[in-house]
Amino acid sequence: MVARKHVGIRMGLLQERCTRNLLHMLNVGTLVLMSYALLYEAGNLVNLPDKCIGFYNFCLWNDTAGELQCLDSKGLEAIGISILEMALARFCVYTCLVIIPFHLLYVLMVNCREQREGWKTICIISFIKMIILSGGLGIFLLQTSQWIHPSDFTGGFLALLGTEALLLLQILTATVYLSWAKHTHTC
């Protein structure tokens, strides 16, 4: 009976440690994917020879000039793209990128001090990041869907989708940890 209890405690400690390490890796992966999409790819979700569409660029192929022609704010409004909505999309997506390093530091602090209450905040912040990123990406896609086909998306878009998946995994990891911590405290 005593040996079984010690095995249970060891398994619980191993599960807690693995969960913490998984959350660290998910946060680092999120930071890497967001940095790739928004900094390395410069926010371009479509980067093809005949079009380059992103949070800062809207360039389409001009047959008469024989080159990509980038539209300014007046040109965007002329084709029905709202400058205000594009600015909101840009703000949401890049805000998520700014929050991620601070969230990573918070996760490290919570883990170093072994604050189980902090895991609720970790879960909430991950959920907020996911909503902000989804909202910004959704606004962008609604504004540009007329000019983008699903096969046009390149690495920047795929990195943002990967970020969404990692954020969902962060929420699930924190939720599982909270459930586990609640169960171990009640026993």
C-alpha atoms as a PDB file:
ATOM      1  CA  MET A   1       0.000   0.000   0.000  1.00  0.00           C
ATOM      2  CA  VAL A   2       2.826   2.386   0.943  1.00  0.00           C
ATOM      3  CA  ALA A   3       4.805   1.496  -2.205  1.00  0.00           C
ATOM      4  CA  ARG A   4       1.760   2.185  -4.351  1.00  0.00           C
ATOM      5  CA  LYS A   5       1.361   5.617  -2.725  1.00  0.00           C
ATOM      6  CA  HIS A   6       5.046   6.471  -3.402  1.00  0.00           C
ATOM      7  CA  VAL A   7       4.678   5.412  -7.047  1.00  0.00           C
ATOM      8  CA  GLY A   8       1.581   7.623  -7.317  1.00  0.00           C
ATOM      9  CA  ILE A   9       3.448  10.586  -5.846  1.00  0.00           C
ATOM     10  CA  ARG A  10       6.404  10.048  -8.195  1.00  0.00           C
ATOM     11  CA  MET A  11       4.085   9.792 -11.199  1.00  0.00           C
ATOM     12  CA  GLY A  12       2.317  12.962 -10.087  1.00  0.00           C
ATOM     13  CA  LEU A  13       5.600  14.842  -9.775  1.00  0.00           C
ATOM     14  CA  LEU A  14       6.712  13.547 -13.169  1.00  0.00           C
ATOM     15  CA  GLN A  15       3.391  14.589 -14.721  1.00  0.00           C
ATOM     16  CA  GLU A  16       3.660  18.046 -13.144  1.00  0.00           C
ATOM     17  CA  ARG A  17       7.231  18.484 -14.398  1.00  0.00           C
ATOM     18  CA  CYS A  18       6.364  17.288 -17.918  1.00  0.00           C
ATOM     19  CA  THR A  19       3.361  19.610 -18.026  1.00  0.00           C
ATOM     20  CA  ARG A  20       5.528  22.564 -17.026  1.00  0.00           C
ATOM     21  CA  ASN A  21       8.158  21.680 -19.631  1.00  0.00           C
ATOM     22  CA  LEU A  22       5.476  21.225 -22.283  1.00  0.00           C
ATOM     23  CA  LEU A  23       4.054  24.656 -21.505  1.00  0.00           C
ATOM     24  CA  HIS A  24       7.526  26.203 -21.840  1.00  0.00           C
ATOM     25  CA  MET A  25       8.053  24.530 -25.206  1.00  0.00           C
ATOM     26  CA  LEU A  26       4.613  25.580 -26.449  1.00  0.00           C
ATOM     27  CA  ASN A  27       5.317  29.195 -25.482  1.00  0.00           C
ATOM     28  CA  VAL A  28       8.714  29.176 -27.186  1.00  0.00           C
ATOM     29  CA  GLY A  29       7.181  27.576 -30.288  1.00  0.00           C
ATOM     30  CA  THR A  30       4.481  30.244 -30.332  1.00  0.00           C
ATOM     31  CA  LEU A  31       7.094  32.993 -30.123  1.00  0.00           C
ATOM     32  CA  VAL A  32       9.137  31.427 -32.941  1.00  0.00           C
ATOM     33  CA  LEU A  33       6.144  30.995 -35.273  1.00  0.00           C
ATOM     34  CA  MET A  34       4.812  34.504 -34.630  1.00  0.00           C
ATOM     35  CA  SER A  35       8.271  36.012 -35.129  1.00  0.00           C
ATOM     36  CA  TYR A  36       8.665  34.117 -38.385  1.00  0.00           C
ATOM     37  CA  ALA A  37       5.258  35.178 -39.718  1.00  0.00           C
ATOM     38  CA  LEU A  38       5.296  38.811 -38.650  1.00  0.00           C
ATOM     39  CA  LEU A  39       8.974  39.728 -38.627  1.00  0.00           C
ATOM     40  CA  TYR A  40      10.795  37.434 -41.069  1.00  0.00           C
ATOM     41  CA  GLU A  41       7.924  37.263 -43.573  1.00  0.00           C
ATOM     42  CA  ALA A  42       7.102  40.942 -42.786  1.00  0.00           C
ATOM     43  CA  GLY A  43       3.449  40.067 -42.218  1.00  0.00           C
ATOM     44  CA  ASN A  44       2.970  38.782 -45.766  1.00  0.00           C
ATOM     45  CA  LEU A  45       0.480  35.918 -45.829  1.00  0.00           C
ATOM     46  CA  VAL A  46       0.642  35.585 -49.603  1.00  0.00           C
ATOM     47  CA  ASN A  47       4.055  36.019 -51.192  1.00  0.00           C
ATOM     48  CA  LEU A  48       3.892  34.846 -54.794  1.00  0.00           C
ATOM     49  CA  PRO A  49       5.442  36.204 -58.002  1.00  0.00           C
ATOM     50  CA  ASP A  50       2.073  37.616 -59.117  1.00  0.00           C
ATOM     51  CA  LYS A  51       0.785  38.885 -55.747  1.00  0.00           C
ATOM     52  CA  CYS A  52       2.069  39.889 -52.351  1.00  0.00           C
ATOM     53  CA  ILE A  53      -0.638  40.426 -49.743  1.00  0.00           C
ATOM     54  CA  GLY A  54      -0.005  40.985 -46.073  1.00  0.00           C
ATOM     55  CA  PHE A  55      -0.656  43.269 -43.154  1.00  0.00           C
ATOM     56  CA  TYR A  56       1.515  46.007 -44.695  1.00  0.00           C
ATOM     57  CA  ASN A  57       1.489  45.116 -48.407  1.00  0.00           C
ATOM     58  CA  PHE A  58      -1.182  44.728 -51.011  1.00  0.00           C
ATOM     59  CA  CYS A  59       0.509  44.182 -54.341  1.00  0.00           C
ATOM     60  CA  LEU A  60      -1.101  42.657 -57.433  1.00  0.00           C
ATOM     61  CA  TRP A  61       0.343  41.885 -60.844  1.00  0.00           C
ATOM     62  CA  ASN A  62      -0.179  44.645 -63.388  1.00  0.00           C
ATOM     63  CA  ASP A  63      -0.182  43.183 -66.905  1.00  0.00           C
ATOM     64  CA  THR A  64       0.338  46.523 -68.647  1.00  0.00           C
ATOM     65  CA  ALA A  65       3.375  47.439 -66.526  1.00  0.00           C
ATOM     66  CA  GLY A  66       4.632  43.857 -66.372  1.00  0.00           C
ATOM     67  CA  GLU A  67       5.353  44.044 -62.630  1.00  0.00           C
ATOM     68  CA  LEU A  68       3.777  43.962 -59.197  1.00  0.00           C
ATOM     69  CA  GLN A  69       1.863  47.119 -58.408  1.00  0.00           C
ATOM     70  CA  CYS A  70       1.420  47.948 -54.737  1.00  0.00           C
ATOM     71  CA  LEU A  71      -1.691  49.866 -53.758  1.00  0.00           C
ATOM     72  CA  ASP A  72      -1.655  52.726 -51.287  1.00  0.00           C
ATOM     73  CA  SER A  73      -4.509  53.573 -48.913  1.00  0.00           C
ATOM     74  CA  LYS A  74      -6.516  55.360 -51.615  1.00  0.00           C
ATOM     75  CA  GLY A  75      -6.089  52.415 -53.976  1.00  0.00           C
ATOM     76  CA  LEU A  76      -7.189  50.000 -51.266  1.00  0.00           C
ATOM     77  CA  GLU A  77     -10.295  52.034 -50.510  1.00  0.00           C
ATOM     78  CA  ALA A  78     -11.056  52.180 -54.231  1.00  0.00           C
ATOM     79  CA  ILE A  79     -11.197  48.382 -54.425  1.00  0.00           C
ATOM     80  CA  GLY A  80     -13.340  48.130 -51.278  1.00  0.00           C
ATOM     81  CA  ILE A  81     -10.801  47.397 -48.544  1.00  0.00           C
ATOM     82  CA  SER A  82     -11.380  49.336 -45.336  1.00  0.00           C
ATOM     83  CA  ILE A  83      -8.189  50.982 -44.081  1.00  0.00           C
ATOM     84  CA  LEU A  84      -9.605  51.108 -40.553  1.00  0.00           C
ATOM     85  CA  GLU A  85     -10.371  47.385 -40.507  1.00  0.00           C
ATOM     86  CA  MET A  86      -6.943  46.538 -41.919  1.00  0.00           C
ATOM     87  CA  ALA A  87      -5.348  48.692 -39.208  1.00  0.00           C
ATOM     88  CA  LEU A  88      -7.426  46.885 -36.572  1.00  0.00           C
ATOM     89  CA  ALA A  89      -6.361  43.495 -37.982  1.00  0.00           C
ATOM     90  CA  ARG A  90      -2.717  44.576 -37.936  1.00  0.00           C
ATOM     91  CA  PHE A  91      -3.050  45.906 -34.372  1.00  0.00           C
ATOM     92  CA  CYS A  92      -4.609  42.668 -33.092  1.00  0.00           C
ATOM     93  CA  VAL A  93      -2.072  40.343 -34.686  1.00  0.00           C
ATOM     94  CA  TYR A  94       0.982  42.364 -33.715  1.00  0.00           C
ATOM     95  CA  THR A  95      -0.362  42.896 -30.176  1.00  0.00           C
ATOM     96  CA  CYS A  96      -0.394  39.131 -29.784  1.00  0.00           C
ATOM     97  CA  LEU A  97       3.287  39.073 -30.785  1.00  0.00           C
ATOM     98  CA  VAL A  98       4.069  41.674 -28.104  1.00  0.00           C
ATOM     99  CA  ILE A  99       2.185  39.772 -25.378  1.00  0.00           C
ATOM    100  CA  ILE A 100       3.933  36.432 -26.028  1.00  0.00           C
ATOM    101  CA  PRO A 101       7.389  37.232 -24.526  1.00  0.00           C
ATOM    102  CA  PHE A 102       5.797  38.709 -21.400  1.00  0.00           C
ATOM    103  CA  HIS A 103       3.568  35.667 -21.070  1.00  0.00           C
ATOM    104  CA  LEU A 104       6.611  33.407 -21.385  1.00  0.00           C
ATOM    105  CA  LEU A 105       8.304  35.298 -18.551  1.00  0.00           C
ATOM    106  CA  TYR A 106       5.152  34.993 -16.453  1.00  0.00           C
ATOM    107  CA  VAL A 107       5.025  31.222 -17.068  1.00  0.00           C
ATOM    108  CA  LEU A 108       8.667  30.921 -15.985  1.00  0.00           C
ATOM    109  CA  MET A 109       7.973  32.945 -12.846  1.00  0.00           C
ATOM    110  CA  VAL A 110       4.921  30.850 -11.944  1.00  0.00           C
ATOM    111  CA  ASN A 111       6.897  27.635 -12.450  1.00  0.00           C
ATOM    112  CA  CYS A 112       9.934  28.789 -10.470  1.00  0.00           C
ATOM    113  CA  ARG A 113       7.785  29.805  -7.510  1.00  0.00           C
ATOM    114  CA  GLU A 114       5.486  26.807  -7.954  1.00  0.00           C
ATOM    115  CA  GLN A 115       2.381  28.990  -7.813  1.00  0.00           C
ATOM    116  CA  ARG A 116      -0.537  26.796  -8.759  1.00  0.00           C
ATOM    117  CA  GLU A 117      -2.908  29.778  -8.680  1.00  0.00           C
ATOM    118  CA  GLY A 118      -0.908  31.346 -11.495  1.00  0.00           C
ATOM    119  CA  TRP A 119      -1.953  28.559 -13.859  1.00  0.00           C
ATOM    120  CA  LYS A 120      -5.456  30.018 -14.070  1.00  0.00           C
ATOM    121  CA  THR A 121      -3.908  33.266 -15.269  1.00  0.00           C
ATOM    122  CA  ILE A 122      -1.730  31.350 -17.732  1.00  0.00           C
ATOM    123  CA  CYS A 123      -4.849  29.728 -19.166  1.00  0.00           C
ATOM    124  CA  ILE A 124      -6.731  33.045 -19.350  1.00  0.00           C
ATOM    125  CA  ILE A 125      -3.836  34.872 -21.043  1.00  0.00           C
ATOM    126  CA  SER A 126      -3.452  32.061 -23.591  1.00  0.00           C
ATOM    127  CA  PHE A 127      -7.165  32.264 -24.321  1.00  0.00           C
ATOM    128  CA  ILE A 128      -6.985  36.053 -24.754  1.00  0.00           C
ATOM    129  CA  LYS A 129      -4.010  35.708 -27.132  1.00  0.00           C
ATOM    130  CA  MET A 130      -5.916  33.157 -29.176  1.00  0.00           C
ATOM    131  CA  ILE A 131      -8.970  35.433 -29.423  1.00  0.00           C
ATOM    132  CA  ILE A 132      -6.877  38.466 -30.376  1.00  0.00           C
ATOM    133  CA  LEU A 133      -4.927  36.552 -33.033  1.00  0.00           C
ATOM    134  CA  SER A 134      -8.071  34.887 -34.423  1.00  0.00           C
ATOM    135  CA  GLY A 135      -9.892  38.209 -34.522  1.00  0.00           C
ATOM    136  CA  GLY A 136      -7.075  40.005 -36.324  1.00  0.00           C
ATOM    137  CA  LEU A 137      -6.576  37.186 -38.788  1.00  0.00           C
ATOM    138  CA  GLY A 138     -10.332  36.924 -39.373  1.00  0.00           C
ATOM    139  CA  ILE A 139     -10.699  40.643 -40.068  1.00  0.00           C
ATOM    140  CA  PHE A 140      -7.765  40.503 -42.476  1.00  0.00           C
ATOM    141  CA  LEU A 141      -9.173  37.501 -44.342  1.00  0.00           C
ATOM    142  CA  LEU A 142     -12.644  39.058 -44.601  1.00  0.00           C
ATOM    143  CA  GLN A 143     -11.152  42.185 -46.143  1.00  0.00           C
ATOM    144  CA  THR A 144      -8.866  40.395 -48.606  1.00  0.00           C
ATOM    145  CA  SER A 145     -10.782  37.193 -49.426  1.00  0.00           C
ATOM    146  CA  GLN A 146     -11.734  38.462 -52.866  1.00  0.00           C
ATOM    147  CA  TRP A 147      -8.074  38.512 -53.947  1.00  0.00           C
ATOM    148  CA  ILE A 148      -6.751  35.460 -52.091  1.00  0.00           C
ATOM    149  CA  HIS A 149      -7.426  31.835 -52.971  1.00  0.00           C
ATOM    150  CA  PRO A 150      -6.715  29.136 -50.363  1.00  0.00           C
ATOM    151  CA  SER A 151      -3.854  27.816 -52.494  1.00  0.00           C
ATOM    152  CA  ASP A 152      -2.180  31.261 -52.463  1.00  0.00           C
ATOM    153  CA  PHE A 153      -1.210  31.215 -48.783  1.00  0.00           C
ATOM    154  CA  THR A 154       2.486  30.856 -48.065  1.00  0.00           C
ATOM    155  CA  GLY A 155       4.658  30.377 -44.972  1.00  0.00           C
ATOM    156  CA  GLY A 156       3.492  33.415 -43.042  1.00  0.00           C
ATOM    157  CA  PHE A 157      -0.114  32.267 -43.027  1.00  0.00           C
ATOM    158  CA  LEU A 158       0.841  28.695 -42.154  1.00  0.00           C
ATOM    159  CA  ALA A 159       2.950  29.995 -39.254  1.00  0.00           C
ATOM    160  CA  LEU A 160      -0.044  31.943 -37.912  1.00  0.00           C
ATOM    161  CA  LEU A 161      -2.217  28.826 -38.172  1.00  0.00           C
ATOM    162  CA  GLY A 162       0.476  26.908 -36.313  1.00  0.00           C
ATOM    163  CA  THR A 163       0.482  29.622 -33.674  1.00  0.00           C
ATOM    164  CA  GLU A 164      -3.275  29.182 -33.235  1.00  0.00           C
ATOM    165  CA  ALA A 165      -2.754  25.442 -32.752  1.00  0.00           C
ATOM    166  CA  LEU A 166      -0.003  26.020 -30.173  1.00  0.00           C
ATOM    167  CA  LEU A 167      -2.170  28.516 -28.307  1.00  0.00           C
ATOM    168  CA  LEU A 168      -4.951  25.945 -28.164  1.00  0.00           C
ATOM    169  CA  LEU A 169      -2.467  23.383 -26.828  1.00  0.00           C
ATOM    170  CA  GLN A 170      -1.345  25.896 -24.183  1.00  0.00           C
ATOM    171  CA  ILE A 171      -4.934  26.282 -23.032  1.00  0.00           C
ATOM    172  CA  LEU A 172      -5.421  22.519 -22.931  1.00  0.00           C
ATOM    173  CA  THR A 173      -2.131  21.985 -21.067  1.00  0.00           C
ATOM    174  CA  ALA A 174      -2.967  24.609 -18.433  1.00  0.00           C
ATOM    175  CA  THR A 175      -6.491  23.194 -18.064  1.00  0.00           C
ATOM    176  CA  VAL A 176      -5.171  19.646 -17.596  1.00  0.00           C
ATOM    177  CA  TYR A 177      -2.645  20.898 -15.052  1.00  0.00           C
ATOM    178  CA  LEU A 178      -5.342  22.762 -13.130  1.00  0.00           C
ATOM    179  CA  SER A 179      -7.531  19.665 -13.128  1.00  0.00           C
ATOM    180  CA  TRP A 180      -4.644  17.540 -11.943  1.00  0.00           C
ATOM    181  CA  ALA A 181      -3.652  20.070  -9.232  1.00  0.00           C
ATOM    182  CA  LYS A 182      -7.238  20.272  -8.005  1.00  0.00           C
ATOM    183  CA  HIS A 183      -7.438  16.478  -7.813  1.00  0.00           C
ATOM    184  CA  THR A 184      -4.142  16.151  -5.914  1.00  0.00           C
ATOM    185  CA  HIS A 185      -5.126  18.882  -3.422  1.00  0.00           C
ATOM    186  CA  THR A 186      -8.483  17.241  -2.673  1.00  0.00           C
ATOM    187  CA  CYS A 187      -6.835  13.851  -2.108  1.00  0.00           C
END
